[in-house]
C-alpha atoms as a PDB file:
ATOM      1  CA  MET A   1    -114.448 142.058  12.834  1.00  0.00           C
ATOM      2  CA  PRO A   2    -113.167 140.689   9.467  1.00  0.00           C
ATOM      3  CA  LYS A   3    -113.152 136.916   9.143  1.00  0.00           C
ATOM      4  CA  LEU A   4    -112.473 134.324   6.491  1.00  0.00           C
ATOM      5  CA  THR A   5    -112.996 130.588   6.311  1.00  0.00           C
ATOM      6  CA  VAL A   6    -109.969 128.366   5.677  1.00  0.00           C
ATOM      7  CA  ASN A   7    -110.466 124.595   5.417  1.00  0.00           C
ATOM      8  CA  GLY A   8    -113.706 124.895   7.362  1.00  0.00           C
ATOM      9  CA  ALA A   9    -112.247 127.007  10.195  1.00  0.00           C
ATOM     10  CA  GLU A  10    -113.367 130.605  10.689  1.00  0.00           C
ATOM     11  CA  LEU A  11    -110.338 132.846  11.237  1.00  0.00           C
ATOM     12  CA  HIS A  12    -110.255 136.431  12.435  1.00  0.00           C
ATOM     13  CA  TYR A  13    -107.735 138.710  10.740  1.00  0.00           C
ATOM     14  CA  GLU A  14    -106.711 142.363  10.740  1.00  0.00           C
ATOM     15  CA  ASP A  15    -105.705 144.264   7.614  1.00  0.00           C
ATOM     16  CA  GLU A  16    -103.416 147.245   8.161  1.00  0.00           C
ATOM     17  CA  GLY A  17    -101.527 149.535   5.790  1.00  0.00           C
ATOM     18  CA  SER A  18    -101.005 149.139   2.058  1.00  0.00           C
ATOM     19  CA  GLY A  19     -98.571 147.616  -0.411  1.00  0.00           C
ATOM     20  CA  PRO A  20     -97.418 144.008  -0.776  1.00  0.00           C
ATOM     21  CA  PRO A  21     -98.883 141.954   2.066  1.00  0.00           C
ATOM     22  CA  VAL A  22     -96.822 140.778   5.038  1.00  0.00           C
ATOM     23  CA  VAL A  23     -98.662 137.998   6.873  1.00  0.00           C
ATOM     24  CA  PHE A  24     -97.967 137.452  10.583  1.00  0.00           C
ATOM     25  CA  VAL A  25     -98.989 134.038  11.960  1.00  0.00           C
ATOM     26  CA  HIS A  26     -98.885 133.662  15.739  1.00  0.00           C
ATOM     27  CA  GLY A  27     -97.690 130.618  17.652  1.00  0.00           C
ATOM     28  CA  VAL A  28     -99.203 128.113  20.078  1.00  0.00           C
ATOM     29  CA  TRP A  29    -102.134 129.455  22.136  1.00  0.00           C
ATOM     30  CA  MET A  30    -101.260 133.021  21.124  1.00  0.00           C
ATOM     31  CA  SER A  31    -103.169 135.638  19.149  1.00  0.00           C
ATOM     32  CA  GLY A  32    -102.509 138.435  16.699  1.00  0.00           C
ATOM     33  CA  ARG A  33    -102.055 140.767  19.661  1.00  0.00           C
ATOM     34  CA  PHE A  34     -98.549 139.375  20.121  1.00  0.00           C
ATOM     35  CA  PHE A  35     -97.620 141.198  16.885  1.00  0.00           C
ATOM     36  CA  GLU A  36     -99.098 144.524  17.932  1.00  0.00           C
ATOM     37  CA  LYS A  37     -95.621 146.100  17.792  1.00  0.00           C
ATOM     38  CA  GLN A  38     -95.242 145.164  14.125  1.00  0.00           C
ATOM     39  CA  LEU A  39     -98.432 146.307  12.254  1.00  0.00           C
ATOM     40  CA  PRO A  40     -95.145 135.119   9.280  1.00  0.00           C
ATOM     41  CA  TYR A  41     -97.898 126.900   6.236  1.00  0.00           C
ATOM     42  CA  VAL A  42     -95.671 125.373   4.082  1.00  0.00           C
ATOM     43  CA  ARG A  43     -96.280 121.615   4.112  1.00  0.00           C
ATOM     44  CA  GLN A  44     -99.920 122.196   3.173  1.00  0.00           C
ATOM     45  CA  PHE A  45     -99.654 124.999   0.628  1.00  0.00           C
ATOM     46  CA  GLY A  46     -96.071 125.038  -0.671  1.00  0.00           C
ATOM     47  CA  THR A  47     -94.021 128.184  -1.281  1.00  0.00           C
ATOM     48  CA  GLU A  48     -94.568 128.950  -4.944  1.00  0.00           C
ATOM     49  CA  ARG A  49     -96.857 131.893  -4.095  1.00  0.00           C
ATOM     50  CA  LEU A  50     -94.555 133.293  -1.398  1.00  0.00           C
ATOM     51  CA  ARG A  51     -91.912 135.910  -2.054  1.00  0.00           C
ATOM     52  CA  GLY A  52     -90.245 135.022   1.230  1.00  0.00           C
ATOM     53  CA  VAL A  53     -90.830 133.543   4.671  1.00  0.00           C
ATOM     54  CA  VAL A  54     -89.745 134.657   8.142  1.00  0.00           C
ATOM     55  CA  VAL A  55     -89.332 131.985  10.825  1.00  0.00           C
ATOM     56  CA  VAL A  56     -89.225 133.429  14.341  1.00  0.00           C
ATOM     57  CA  ASP A  57     -87.548 131.114  16.837  1.00  0.00           C
ATOM     58  CA  GLN A  58     -89.324 127.962  15.731  1.00  0.00           C
ATOM     59  CA  SER A  59     -87.744 124.537  15.906  1.00  0.00           C
ATOM     60  CA  PRO A  60     -88.702 122.087  13.120  1.00  0.00           C
ATOM     61  CA  SER A  61     -90.054 119.902  15.921  1.00  0.00           C
ATOM     62  CA  ASP A  62     -90.807 120.664  19.557  1.00  0.00           C
ATOM     63  CA  TYR A  63     -90.712 116.958  20.425  1.00  0.00           C
ATOM     64  CA  LYS A  64     -87.516 115.206  21.525  1.00  0.00           C
ATOM     65  CA  TRP A  65     -87.355 112.436  18.940  1.00  0.00           C
ATOM     66  CA  PRO A  66     -84.591 109.815  19.254  1.00  0.00           C
ATOM     67  CA  ASP A  67     -82.668 111.602  16.465  1.00  0.00           C
ATOM     68  CA  TRP A  68     -83.717 115.141  17.453  1.00  0.00           C
ATOM     69  CA  PRO A  69     -82.420 116.274  20.878  1.00  0.00           C
ATOM     70  CA  HIS A  70     -83.405 119.926  20.383  1.00  0.00           C
ATOM     71  CA  GLY A  71     -87.105 119.595  21.206  1.00  0.00           C
ATOM     72  CA  PHE A  72     -88.271 120.984  24.544  1.00  0.00           C
ATOM     73  CA  LEU A  73     -90.831 118.262  25.384  1.00  0.00           C
ATOM     74  CA  ASP A  74     -90.339 114.527  25.708  1.00  0.00           C
ATOM     75  CA  PHE A  75     -93.222 112.081  26.261  1.00  0.00           C
ATOM     76  CA  ASP A  76     -93.397 112.658  30.018  1.00  0.00           C
ATOM     77  CA  GLY A  77     -93.239 116.429  29.552  1.00  0.00           C
ATOM     78  CA  LEU A  78     -96.022 116.377  26.979  1.00  0.00           C
ATOM     79  CA  CYS A  79     -98.195 114.279  29.305  1.00  0.00           C
ATOM     80  CA  HIS A  80     -97.568 116.772  32.111  1.00  0.00           C
ATOM     81  CA  VAL A  81     -98.574 119.719  29.931  1.00  0.00           C
ATOM     82  CA  MET A  82    -101.696 117.961  28.646  1.00  0.00           C
ATOM     83  CA  THR A  83    -102.755 117.200  32.226  1.00  0.00           C
ATOM     84  CA  ALA A  84    -102.001 120.724  33.443  1.00  0.00           C
ATOM     85  CA  VAL A  85    -104.088 122.230  30.638  1.00  0.00           C
ATOM     86  CA  GLN A  86    -107.081 120.339  31.996  1.00  0.00           C
ATOM     87  CA  THR A  87    -106.442 120.768  35.742  1.00  0.00           C
ATOM     88  CA  ASP A  88    -104.627 124.065  36.402  1.00  0.00           C
ATOM     89  CA  ARG A  89    -104.248 125.848  33.115  1.00  0.00           C
ATOM     90  CA  GLU A  90    -103.699 129.381  34.387  1.00  0.00           C
ATOM     91  CA  ALA A  91    -100.838 128.240  36.631  1.00  0.00           C
ATOM     92  CA  LEU A  92     -99.299 126.464  33.628  1.00  0.00           C
ATOM     93  CA  VAL A  93     -99.610 129.602  31.500  1.00  0.00           C
ATOM     94  CA  ARG A  94     -98.155 131.863  34.196  1.00  0.00           C
ATOM     95  CA  ASP A  95     -95.210 129.486  34.563  1.00  0.00           C
ATOM     96  CA  PHE A  96     -94.763 129.330  30.778  1.00  0.00           C
ATOM     97  CA  ILE A  97     -94.783 133.052  29.983  1.00  0.00           C
ATOM     98  CA  PRO A  98     -91.455 133.922  31.705  1.00  0.00           C
ATOM     99  CA  ARG A  99     -89.796 131.157  29.660  1.00  0.00           C
ATOM    100  CA  LEU A 100     -90.677 133.113  26.522  1.00  0.00           C
ATOM    101  CA  PHE A 101     -88.573 136.120  27.512  1.00  0.00           C
ATOM    102  CA  LYS A 102     -84.985 136.840  28.463  1.00  0.00           C
ATOM    103  CA  GLU A 103     -86.251 139.122  31.247  1.00  0.00           C
ATOM    104  CA  PRO A 104     -89.631 138.501  32.905  1.00  0.00           C
ATOM    105  CA  PRO A 105     -92.361 140.751  31.451  1.00  0.00           C
ATOM    106  CA  SER A 106     -94.151 143.287  33.603  1.00  0.00           C
ATOM    107  CA  GLU A 107     -97.281 142.276  35.485  1.00  0.00           C
ATOM    108  CA  ALA A 108     -99.335 144.400  33.083  1.00  0.00           C
ATOM    109  CA  ASP A 109     -97.900 142.603  30.051  1.00  0.00           C
ATOM    110  CA  THR A 110     -98.245 139.246  31.783  1.00  0.00           C
ATOM    111  CA  ALA A 111    -101.917 140.004  32.448  1.00  0.00           C
ATOM    112  CA  TRP A 112    -102.837 140.612  28.799  1.00  0.00           C
ATOM    113  CA  MET A 113    -100.801 137.613  27.668  1.00  0.00           C
ATOM    114  CA  VAL A 114    -102.566 135.347  30.153  1.00  0.00           C
ATOM    115  CA  GLU A 115    -105.911 136.712  28.966  1.00  0.00           C
ATOM    116  CA  GLU A 116    -105.076 136.050  25.315  1.00  0.00           C
ATOM    117  CA  ILE A 117    -103.601 132.582  25.887  1.00  0.00           C
ATOM    118  CA  MET A 118    -106.567 131.504  28.012  1.00  0.00           C
ATOM    119  CA  ARG A 119    -109.152 132.326  25.332  1.00  0.00           C
ATOM    120  CA  PRO A 120    -109.389 128.873  23.674  1.00  0.00           C
ATOM    121  CA  PRO A 121    -111.324 126.297  25.727  1.00  0.00           C
ATOM    122  CA  CYS A 122    -109.270 123.578  27.417  1.00  0.00           C
ATOM    123  CA  SER A 123    -110.251 120.950  24.849  1.00  0.00           C
ATOM    124  CA  VAL A 124    -109.007 123.128  21.992  1.00  0.00           C
ATOM    125  CA  ALA A 125    -105.860 124.169  23.868  1.00  0.00           C
ATOM    126  CA  SER A 126    -105.038 120.501  24.501  1.00  0.00           C
ATOM    127  CA  ALA A 127    -105.470 119.622  20.838  1.00  0.00           C
ATOM    128  CA  ILE A 128    -103.308 122.570  19.769  1.00  0.00           C
ATOM    129  CA  ILE A 129    -100.379 121.762  22.052  1.00  0.00           C
ATOM    130  CA  PHE A 130    -100.449 118.053  21.172  1.00  0.00           C
ATOM    131  CA  ASP A 131    -100.591 118.658  17.426  1.00  0.00           C
ATOM    132  CA  GLN A 132     -97.910 121.348  17.580  1.00  0.00           C
ATOM    133  CA  THR A 133     -95.546 119.206  19.633  1.00  0.00           C
ATOM    134  CA  VAL A 134     -95.637 115.984  17.620  1.00  0.00           C
ATOM    135  CA  GLN A 135     -95.152 117.576  14.195  1.00  0.00           C
ATOM    136  CA  ASP A 136     -91.772 117.085  12.547  1.00  0.00           C
ATOM    137  CA  TYR A 137     -91.044 119.558   9.756  1.00  0.00           C
ATOM    138  CA  ARG A 138     -87.421 118.541   9.157  1.00  0.00           C
ATOM    139  CA  PRO A 139     -88.273 116.893   5.788  1.00  0.00           C
ATOM    140  CA  VAL A 140     -90.092 120.072   4.712  1.00  0.00           C
ATOM    141  CA  LEU A 141     -87.216 122.511   5.201  1.00  0.00           C
ATOM    142  CA  PRO A 142     -85.294 121.665   1.986  1.00  0.00           C
ATOM    143  CA  THR A 143     -88.474 122.298  -0.030  1.00  0.00           C
ATOM    144  CA  VAL A 144     -88.680 125.934   1.118  1.00  0.00           C
ATOM    145  CA  THR A 145     -87.065 127.355  -1.997  1.00  0.00           C
ATOM    146  CA  CYS A 146     -88.141 130.964  -1.492  1.00  0.00           C
ATOM    147  CA  PRO A 147     -85.822 133.306   0.457  1.00  0.00           C
ATOM    148  CA  ALA A 148     -86.102 132.850   4.227  1.00  0.00           C
ATOM    149  CA  LEU A 149     -85.179 134.912   7.258  1.00  0.00           C
ATOM    150  CA  VAL A 150     -84.625 132.822  10.389  1.00  0.00           C
ATOM    151  CA  VAL A 151     -84.777 134.834  13.605  1.00  0.00           C
ATOM    152  CA  THR A 152     -83.515 133.366  16.852  1.00  0.00           C
ATOM    153  CA  ARG A 153     -82.280 134.529  20.254  1.00  0.00           C
ATOM    154  CA  ALA A 154     -79.266 134.061  22.479  1.00  0.00           C
ATOM    155  CA  ASP A 155     -81.369 133.100  25.526  1.00  0.00           C
ATOM    156  CA  GLU A 156     -81.980 129.334  25.625  1.00  0.00           C
ATOM    157  CA  LYS A 157     -84.650 128.906  28.294  1.00  0.00           C
ATOM    158  CA  LEU A 158     -87.052 127.357  25.774  1.00  0.00           C
ATOM    159  CA  VAL A 159     -85.278 126.000  22.687  1.00  0.00           C
ATOM    160  CA  PRO A 160     -81.552 125.562  21.909  1.00  0.00           C
ATOM    161  CA  VAL A 161     -80.130 127.964  19.341  1.00  0.00           C
ATOM    162  CA  ALA A 162     -78.888 124.859  17.528  1.00  0.00           C
ATOM    163  CA  ALA A 163     -82.481 124.160  16.464  1.00  0.00           C
ATOM    164  CA  GLU A 164     -82.723 127.449  14.552  1.00  0.00           C
ATOM    165  CA  GLU A 165     -79.208 127.010  13.164  1.00  0.00           C
ATOM    166  CA  TYR A 166     -80.422 123.686  11.775  1.00  0.00           C
ATOM    167  CA  VAL A 167     -83.495 125.358  10.243  1.00  0.00           C
ATOM    168  CA  ALA A 168     -81.384 127.982   8.487  1.00  0.00           C
ATOM    169  CA  ALA A 169     -78.849 125.406   7.264  1.00  0.00           C
ATOM    170  CA  GLN A 170     -81.524 123.128   5.768  1.00  0.00           C
ATOM    171  CA  MET A 171     -83.341 125.781   3.714  1.00  0.00           C
ATOM    172  CA  PRO A 172     -81.637 126.581   0.390  1.00  0.00           C
ATOM    173  CA  ASP A 173     -81.795 130.387   0.686  1.00  0.00           C
ATOM    174  CA  ALA A 174     -81.910 131.315   4.366  1.00  0.00           C
ATOM    175  CA  ARG A 175     -80.325 134.028   6.484  1.00  0.00           C
ATOM    176  CA  LEU A 176     -79.961 133.621  10.267  1.00  0.00           C
ATOM    177  CA  VAL A 177     -80.169 136.602  12.634  1.00  0.00           C
ATOM    178  CA  VAL A 178     -79.587 136.281  16.388  1.00  0.00           C
ATOM    179  CA  PHE A 179     -81.158 138.689  18.885  1.00  0.00           C
ATOM    180  CA  ALA A 180     -78.857 138.889  21.897  1.00  0.00           C
ATOM    181  CA  GLU A 181     -81.322 140.629  24.219  1.00  0.00           C
ATOM    182  CA  SER A 182     -84.349 138.433  23.591  1.00  0.00           C
ATOM    183  CA  GLY A 183     -85.949 135.147  24.447  1.00  0.00           C
ATOM    184  CA  HIS A 184     -88.629 133.503  22.306  1.00  0.00           C
ATOM    185  CA  CYS A 185     -90.372 136.820  21.489  1.00  0.00           C
ATOM    186  CA  PRO A 186     -87.877 139.273  19.928  1.00  0.00           C
ATOM    187  CA  PHE A 187     -90.811 141.078  18.299  1.00  0.00           C
ATOM    188  CA  LEU A 188     -91.840 142.138  21.822  1.00  0.00           C
ATOM    189  CA  GLU A 189     -88.453 142.383  23.554  1.00  0.00           C
ATOM    190  CA  GLU A 190     -86.486 144.122  20.792  1.00  0.00           C
ATOM    191  CA  PRO A 191     -89.306 145.457  18.596  1.00  0.00           C
ATOM    192  CA  ASP A 192     -87.372 148.315  17.009  1.00  0.00           C
ATOM    193  CA  ARG A 193     -84.500 146.098  15.898  1.00  0.00           C
ATOM    194  CA  PHE A 194     -86.883 143.291  14.929  1.00  0.00           C
ATOM    195  CA  ASN A 195     -88.949 145.633  12.769  1.00  0.00           C
ATOM    196  CA  GLU A 196     -85.814 147.068  11.170  1.00  0.00           C
ATOM    197  CA  VAL A 197     -84.310 143.646  10.413  1.00  0.00           C
ATOM    198  CA  VAL A 198     -87.547 142.325   8.894  1.00  0.00           C
ATOM    199  CA  ASP A 199     -88.168 145.536   6.952  1.00  0.00           C
ATOM    200  CA  ASP A 200     -84.636 145.542   5.512  1.00  0.00           C
ATOM    201  CA  TRP A 201     -84.967 141.876   4.569  1.00  0.00           C
ATOM    202  CA  ILE A 202     -88.330 142.438   2.874  1.00  0.00           C
ATOM    203  CA  ARG A 203     -86.895 145.358   0.905  1.00  0.00           C
ATOM    204  CA  SER A 204     -83.977 143.183  -0.195  1.00  0.00           C
ATOM    205  CA  LEU A 205     -86.423 140.793  -1.879  1.00  0.00           C
ATOM    206  CA  ALA A 206     -87.318 143.456  -4.414  1.00  0.00           C
END
């Protein structure tokens, strides 16, 4: 199992194929398995070494700040999630998974997703969701000077499309693509189209 250490944290990674690297970075509580049908840290490292970046349905902030109505958690909601992680985490996860998709996934798919999401201990899961929620990357977006592909979805169970429209509008060289038949995970719900869109965009960078 290949691993590398980044800022003191040991990370597992998988290396597939050849050619210029395409790096897939999973979201909150997830794992690399969520990109199994595909075989994308900017504030910290900048973009000068990136040819391009793909943002998949990610708001610049998941918190509902006074001047940012597009977050999906306010203070009370965040407190509820933090408590549920400690007291009934599997129920929270099973309630959360259908919100990621336009159509509910099969029980088989739900089972492996629950297994993957439940891997971190509760203390780590709590820290992850808190840190993720309270970040505000709006000031960072104009500094992303490399080409960007912003992928979003028509379904709005989790985050308003306006959040991704904002992301694309704030980056100097961004293209927005909407997936009509997807929720938060177009790479799982429309994998063929997702792979084609990303592949075509990567080829356009050359």
